[in-house]
């Protein structure tokens, strides 16, 4: 029996927004009934301002990411997209980030982070490369999220 890493559900879909457009995007989602539940500046290598919006009463979130500097990976994504925002990554919730990291590393996934690290809102996260497996790449960036409150 394989000891799977405990993926639970989609935590969030991340959307990159151009600098200066974050509040307007939040307003647009509010018109759809989404509720802002968290706002934070994430420094370090991420260099973003994030807003998390809850979709209805469920656990799934939309994460809006606005770059804080030209070095932000989100700013580089926007530049690759011809100056437009858009889909940044899909995040999956797990019971244990370390267990998921170990499992994925042992099974040949190309993990960007050297180890699980602190994320926003008190989470532990790591990122998996879009070309994480040569024989069957996902084609998009994946974030793995452990939330100690759940």
C-alpha atoms as a PDB file:
ATOM      1  CA  UNK A   1       0.000   0.000   0.000  1.00  0.00           C
ATOM      2  CA  UNK A   2       1.377   3.421  -0.989  1.00  0.00           C
ATOM      3  CA  UNK A   3       1.429   6.022   1.775  1.00  0.00           C
ATOM      4  CA  UNK A   4      -0.088   8.967  -0.086  1.00  0.00           C
ATOM      5  CA  UNK A   5       0.652  12.520   1.090  1.00  0.00           C
ATOM      6  CA  UNK A   6      -2.884  13.416   2.212  1.00  0.00           C
ATOM      7  CA  UNK A   7      -4.158  15.896  -0.371  1.00  0.00           C
ATOM      8  CA  UNK A   8      -7.528  17.178   0.867  1.00  0.00           C
ATOM      9  CA  UNK A   9      -8.985  19.815  -1.497  1.00  0.00           C
ATOM     10  CA  UNK A  10      -8.221  22.872  -3.606  1.00  0.00           C
ATOM     11  CA  UNK A  11      -7.059  25.524  -1.141  1.00  0.00           C
ATOM     12  CA  UNK A  12      -6.949  28.376  -3.636  1.00  0.00           C
ATOM     13  CA  UNK A  13      -6.510  29.496  -7.201  1.00  0.00           C
ATOM     14  CA  UNK A  14      -3.971  32.326  -7.436  1.00  0.00           C
ATOM     15  CA  UNK A  15      -4.443  35.198  -9.869  1.00  0.00           C
ATOM     16  CA  UNK A  16      -1.705  37.726 -10.646  1.00  0.00           C
ATOM     17  CA  UNK A  17      -2.856  41.354 -10.850  1.00  0.00           C
ATOM     18  CA  UNK A  18      -0.859  44.306 -12.116  1.00  0.00           C
ATOM     19  CA  UNK A  19       0.557  46.802  -9.636  1.00  0.00           C
ATOM     20  CA  UNK A  20      -2.074  49.325  -8.616  1.00  0.00           C
ATOM     21  CA  UNK A  21      -5.045  47.122  -9.610  1.00  0.00           C
ATOM     22  CA  UNK A  22      -5.461  44.974  -6.498  1.00  0.00           C
ATOM     23  CA  UNK A  23      -8.255  46.942  -4.818  1.00  0.00           C
ATOM     24  CA  UNK A  24     -10.229  47.239  -8.069  1.00  0.00           C
ATOM     25  CA  UNK A  25      -9.986  43.462  -8.543  1.00  0.00           C
ATOM     26  CA  UNK A  26     -11.111  42.869  -4.943  1.00  0.00           C
ATOM     27  CA  UNK A  27     -14.101  45.125  -5.628  1.00  0.00           C
ATOM     28  CA  UNK A  28     -15.029  43.126  -8.721  1.00  0.00           C
ATOM     29  CA  UNK A  29     -14.973  39.847  -6.779  1.00  0.00           C
ATOM     30  CA  UNK A  30     -17.044  41.407  -3.992  1.00  0.00           C
ATOM     31  CA  UNK A  31     -19.729  42.189  -6.592  1.00  0.00           C
ATOM     32  CA  UNK A  32     -19.891  38.427  -7.175  1.00  0.00           C
ATOM     33  CA  UNK A  33     -20.439  37.794  -3.455  1.00  0.00           C
ATOM     34  CA  UNK A  34     -16.874  36.821  -2.565  1.00  0.00           C
ATOM     35  CA  UNK A  35     -15.741  37.819   0.933  1.00  0.00           C
ATOM     36  CA  UNK A  36     -12.272  39.171   1.717  1.00  0.00           C
ATOM     37  CA  UNK A  37     -10.897  37.126   4.610  1.00  0.00           C
ATOM     38  CA  UNK A  38      -7.186  37.973   4.637  1.00  0.00           C
ATOM     39  CA  UNK A  39      -4.761  40.646   3.394  1.00  0.00           C
ATOM     40  CA  UNK A  40      -1.007  40.544   3.863  1.00  0.00           C
ATOM     41  CA  UNK A  41       2.289  41.680   2.385  1.00  0.00           C
ATOM     42  CA  UNK A  42       4.524  38.662   1.834  1.00  0.00           C
ATOM     43  CA  UNK A  43       8.159  39.693   1.539  1.00  0.00           C
ATOM     44  CA  UNK A  44      11.204  37.429   1.202  1.00  0.00           C
ATOM     45  CA  UNK A  45      11.473  35.855  -2.231  1.00  0.00           C
ATOM     46  CA  UNK A  46       7.733  36.277  -2.939  1.00  0.00           C
ATOM     47  CA  UNK A  47       7.489  40.109  -2.790  1.00  0.00           C
ATOM     48  CA  UNK A  48       3.689  40.291  -3.142  1.00  0.00           C
ATOM     49  CA  UNK A  49       0.635  41.815  -1.549  1.00  0.00           C
ATOM     50  CA  UNK A  50      -2.050  39.159  -1.323  1.00  0.00           C
ATOM     51  CA  UNK A  51      -5.751  39.179  -0.703  1.00  0.00           C
ATOM     52  CA  UNK A  52      -7.661  35.974  -0.029  1.00  0.00           C
ATOM     53  CA  UNK A  53     -11.339  35.868  -0.951  1.00  0.00           C
ATOM     54  CA  UNK A  54     -13.709  33.130   0.201  1.00  0.00           C
ATOM     55  CA  UNK A  55     -16.046  31.615  -2.327  1.00  0.00           C
ATOM     56  CA  UNK A  56     -19.415  31.136  -0.604  1.00  0.00           C
ATOM     57  CA  UNK A  57     -19.269  29.138   2.624  1.00  0.00           C
ATOM     58  CA  UNK A  58     -16.803  26.507   1.437  1.00  0.00           C
ATOM     59  CA  UNK A  59     -13.063  26.089   2.001  1.00  0.00           C
ATOM     60  CA  UNK A  60     -12.012  27.204  -1.497  1.00  0.00           C
ATOM     61  CA  UNK A  61     -10.368  30.576  -1.961  1.00  0.00           C
ATOM     62  CA  UNK A  62      -9.239  32.970  -4.674  1.00  0.00           C
ATOM     63  CA  UNK A  63      -5.843  34.524  -3.969  1.00  0.00           C
ATOM     64  CA  UNK A  64      -5.087  37.815  -5.703  1.00  0.00           C
ATOM     65  CA  UNK A  65      -1.358  38.568  -5.924  1.00  0.00           C
ATOM     66  CA  UNK A  66       0.018  42.035  -6.638  1.00  0.00           C
ATOM     67  CA  UNK A  67       3.808  42.344  -7.087  1.00  0.00           C
ATOM     68  CA  UNK A  68       5.626  44.670  -4.686  1.00  0.00           C
ATOM     69  CA  UNK A  69       8.871  44.871  -6.665  1.00  0.00           C
ATOM     70  CA  UNK A  70      10.335  44.163 -10.121  1.00  0.00           C
ATOM     71  CA  UNK A  71      12.047  41.086  -8.599  1.00  0.00           C
ATOM     72  CA  UNK A  72       8.726  39.500  -7.584  1.00  0.00           C
ATOM     73  CA  UNK A  73       8.038  36.196  -9.370  1.00  0.00           C
ATOM     74  CA  UNK A  74       4.507  37.533  -9.912  1.00  0.00           C
ATOM     75  CA  UNK A  75       5.890  40.580 -11.738  1.00  0.00           C
ATOM     76  CA  UNK A  76       7.980  38.260 -13.922  1.00  0.00           C
ATOM     77  CA  UNK A  77       4.832  36.220 -14.674  1.00  0.00           C
ATOM     78  CA  UNK A  78       2.969  39.391 -15.677  1.00  0.00           C
ATOM     79  CA  UNK A  79       5.859  40.354 -17.974  1.00  0.00           C
ATOM     80  CA  UNK A  80       5.823  36.875 -19.600  1.00  0.00           C
ATOM     81  CA  UNK A  81       2.053  37.374 -20.137  1.00  0.00           C
ATOM     82  CA  UNK A  82       2.650  40.533 -22.179  1.00  0.00           C
ATOM     83  CA  UNK A  83       1.928  42.855 -19.239  1.00  0.00           C
ATOM     84  CA  UNK A  84      -1.371  41.184 -18.318  1.00  0.00           C
ATOM     85  CA  UNK A  85      -2.331  39.516 -15.073  1.00  0.00           C
ATOM     86  CA  UNK A  86      -3.952  36.107 -14.981  1.00  0.00           C
ATOM     87  CA  UNK A  87      -3.631  32.572 -13.650  1.00  0.00           C
ATOM     88  CA  UNK A  88      -0.563  32.200 -11.388  1.00  0.00           C
ATOM     89  CA  UNK A  89      -0.920  28.809  -9.680  1.00  0.00           C
ATOM     90  CA  UNK A  90      -3.223  26.206  -8.144  1.00  0.00           C
ATOM     91  CA  UNK A  91      -2.832  25.380  -4.454  1.00  0.00           C
ATOM     92  CA  UNK A  92      -3.821  22.113  -2.822  1.00  0.00           C
ATOM     93  CA  UNK A  93      -4.370  21.664   0.926  1.00  0.00           C
ATOM     94  CA  UNK A  94      -2.601  18.790   2.661  1.00  0.00           C
ATOM     95  CA  UNK A  95      -2.607  17.398   6.175  1.00  0.00           C
ATOM     96  CA  UNK A  96       1.185  17.670   6.446  1.00  0.00           C
ATOM     97  CA  UNK A  97       3.396  19.757   4.170  1.00  0.00           C
ATOM     98  CA  UNK A  98       6.459  17.801   5.276  1.00  0.00           C
ATOM     99  CA  UNK A  99       4.839  14.429   4.514  1.00  0.00           C
ATOM    100  CA  UNK A 100       3.692  15.676   1.086  1.00  0.00           C
ATOM    101  CA  UNK A 101       7.151  17.151   0.400  1.00  0.00           C
ATOM    102  CA  UNK A 102       8.910  13.898   1.332  1.00  0.00           C
ATOM    103  CA  UNK A 103       6.500  11.791  -0.736  1.00  0.00           C
ATOM    104  CA  UNK A 104       6.756  14.024  -3.809  1.00  0.00           C
ATOM    105  CA  UNK A 105      10.545  14.240  -3.547  1.00  0.00           C
ATOM    106  CA  UNK A 106      10.831  10.435  -3.255  1.00  0.00           C
ATOM    107  CA  UNK A 107       8.589  10.049  -6.316  1.00  0.00           C
ATOM    108  CA  UNK A 108      10.607  12.273  -8.629  1.00  0.00           C
ATOM    109  CA  UNK A 109       8.692  15.558  -8.564  1.00  0.00           C
ATOM    110  CA  UNK A 110      10.711  18.717  -9.291  1.00  0.00           C
ATOM    111  CA  UNK A 111      10.143  20.757  -6.132  1.00  0.00           C
ATOM    112  CA  UNK A 112      11.192  24.407  -6.266  1.00  0.00           C
ATOM    113  CA  UNK A 113      11.659  24.947  -2.525  1.00  0.00           C
ATOM    114  CA  UNK A 114      14.438  23.128  -0.644  1.00  0.00           C
ATOM    115  CA  UNK A 115      11.994  22.367   2.187  1.00  0.00           C
ATOM    116  CA  UNK A 116       8.503  23.415   3.304  1.00  0.00           C
ATOM    117  CA  UNK A 117       8.582  27.056   4.423  1.00  0.00           C
ATOM    118  CA  UNK A 118       6.353  29.610   6.133  1.00  0.00           C
ATOM    119  CA  UNK A 119       3.563  30.931   3.917  1.00  0.00           C
ATOM    120  CA  UNK A 120       0.966  33.629   4.450  1.00  0.00           C
ATOM    121  CA  UNK A 121      -1.744  33.408   7.133  1.00  0.00           C
ATOM    122  CA  UNK A 122       0.374  31.080   9.282  1.00  0.00           C
ATOM    123  CA  UNK A 123       0.549  28.273   6.723  1.00  0.00           C
ATOM    124  CA  UNK A 124       3.430  26.038   5.684  1.00  0.00           C
ATOM    125  CA  UNK A 125       3.949  25.797   1.916  1.00  0.00           C
ATOM    126  CA  UNK A 126       6.162  24.615  -0.917  1.00  0.00           C
ATOM    127  CA  UNK A 127       5.971  24.968  -4.691  1.00  0.00           C
ATOM    128  CA  UNK A 128       6.185  22.299  -7.383  1.00  0.00           C
ATOM    129  CA  UNK A 129       7.547  23.164 -10.841  1.00  0.00           C
ATOM    130  CA  UNK A 130       5.084  23.125 -13.785  1.00  0.00           C
ATOM    131  CA  UNK A 131       7.368  20.608 -15.531  1.00  0.00           C
ATOM    132  CA  UNK A 132       7.565  18.572 -12.359  1.00  0.00           C
ATOM    133  CA  UNK A 133       7.637  15.193 -14.095  1.00  0.00           C
ATOM    134  CA  UNK A 134       9.219  14.714 -17.503  1.00  0.00           C
ATOM    135  CA  UNK A 135       6.816  11.970 -18.566  1.00  0.00           C
ATOM    136  CA  UNK A 136       3.642  13.820 -17.548  1.00  0.00           C
ATOM    137  CA  UNK A 137       4.143  17.486 -16.592  1.00  0.00           C
ATOM    138  CA  UNK A 138       1.251  19.331 -14.965  1.00  0.00           C
ATOM    139  CA  UNK A 139       1.866  22.441 -17.048  1.00  0.00           C
ATOM    140  CA  UNK A 140       1.125  24.895 -14.221  1.00  0.00           C
ATOM    141  CA  UNK A 141       2.745  25.898 -10.938  1.00  0.00           C
ATOM    142  CA  UNK A 142       1.444  24.007  -7.900  1.00  0.00           C
ATOM    143  CA  UNK A 143       1.529  25.216  -4.309  1.00  0.00           C
ATOM    144  CA  UNK A 144       1.094  22.693  -1.501  1.00  0.00           C
ATOM    145  CA  UNK A 145      -0.428  24.227   1.642  1.00  0.00           C
ATOM    146  CA  UNK A 146      -0.704  23.022   5.223  1.00  0.00           C
ATOM    147  CA  UNK A 147      -2.921  25.146   7.452  1.00  0.00           C
ATOM    148  CA  UNK A 148      -2.397  24.361  11.143  1.00  0.00           C
ATOM    149  CA  UNK A 149      -5.869  25.707  11.968  1.00  0.00           C
ATOM    150  CA  UNK A 150      -7.588  22.895  10.068  1.00  0.00           C
END
